[in-house]
């Protein structure tokens, strides 16, 4: 027996109800669709955090030469309000999308029912062609339905495409972290930051305190034997092969490592070499599902981590940056936006006072930024002209501490608290990886396919000035960063040359050729220079006017990273191992 299609009998009461519901649902859907589309257009036209008042306050802070805590707190409060407004807007967006869909379904259902229950049969209105009339009527209904469906789809697409996230503030990530075993709330770390004198006695960043290649202690060992263990306190295998260097604070040493899928931070006991903790970063808003392309010579964990006495900061090729306390608890983390960088992000972090500095080498938007060390919140950001693969240094100069950066074009000095550009000098070219150094009032940079350039600083703290005093174009470094003594600058090249240049004149004092090249950066330790070559020989020579080789002990395998030099100890990351060497018997 064939099922019969249900028949709709014209009913005036039902028709009125259905028609009223359709009218109300239609108006509701149209108004809601308009609001969602307007919201989409507004979000696309403006960046949530580019609130004019917030930008104005940040400009005031950048222009201020004094620390203004009241202004900083005002910026934080307004930033919080902006974020709350943004997330409230996103919650409303999600609710609006659901209501739009429900309203549309109600409208279409009521519209169809009203047509069925219409007590007045449509009349052709005098048209002789009744078949044409009904065809036009049916097409009109389909047209109304089609327009409604398209409008709904467009509106839902706009709602779906509206950005629903902004850079997460570090405090939010801290709140998401698990409590520490000792009951300390996550993210609870001391607000105080170490003094420069305290930093000098540690190895807080790539190339030591201030990041310019000079050790504070003068007691690093000169003799050891990897094979017999003589002079070796401990020697352990690292979890991964990476190129970042060890940093040390107190009895803790930190490294990082990464693959396409994993980004990790490692903490070691400096007394025993024991791996105290190993933490894998979670994903943050913005962490890419597909890792960026990098070269094998860079890897995913080229940047060296930084410490400030209470926290360790790590950044990776994805631009995921994370802060852990010394117990391994996540304090904050965020993604800064994957940089467009054909070798992979390589610039190391630098912690100074209450900030951590990020030189983000993005070809589209190169910039230097300061994050609040305690929270990860942005303090300031300053655009740069060009990128590099070098790392920032923050040495004391005769005109106060300056943040000094090298790019593919120039060397620049910035005010560390505000990001204000203090001076700039063009003198570099090519793909710059070596970082700056400074001796007294002379800043020195060098790079292969460019010229070595010495820049003298003058003026005052408020108005520092700079001028190029000499340039030199032989034996230039590819990766290794230069170091200095009171009278000379030292360059180590990937071809195995080490050049000593007069600081005042740029004249070549001596040039020595070794059998192997250098990626690891030479470090001055008192009156000696330590330079580890690519085969793992630690060449130790004096800082005198004549080349004098003091020793050349081996590390057993290639060395790419730059060692850390503390009082009577040296921590070396070789290709696959981490080694602590210490002085004994007076050497």
Foldseek 3Di string as FASTA:
>chain_A
DDDDDDAFEADPVLLVVLVVLLVVLVVVLVVLLVVLLVVLVVLVVDPLQVDVVLVVLLVVQLPDPDDDVVSVVVSVVVSVVSVVVLLVVLVVLVVSLVSNVVSLVSNVVSVVVSVRNHNDDDDLVPDPPVVVSVVVVVVVVVVVNVVSVVSSVVSNVSSVPRDNDDWDWFQVQQQVWDADPVRDRGLDWDQFFDDLVLQLQWQFFALRRLNFFAHNAQQADFDDAPVVCRQFQDKFWDPAFAQAEWTTDDQWIKFWDDAQVWTKIWIAGNRRRDTQDIDTDDDAVQQDPGQDDADPVHHFFQAYWGDGNFWIWGATLSQKIWIAGNNGITNGITHPHRADDHHTAHAYWYDDTQWIWDQRQHQVWTKIWIAGNSIRHTSDIDTDDAGANAYWGFDQEPAGTWTWFDGQFWIWTADVNNRHTQEIDGWHHDHHAATWHDAHQWIWFFAAPTWIWIKGWDDHNVHIYIDTQDIGHPDTAHAAYWHADNFWIWHFHQQAKIWTAGNRHRDTLDIDGDNGGANEYWHHNPQWIWTAGQAFWTFIFGNDSDTGTPHTHGPRGGANYYWDDHHQWIWGDGRTMIIIGGDDPRD
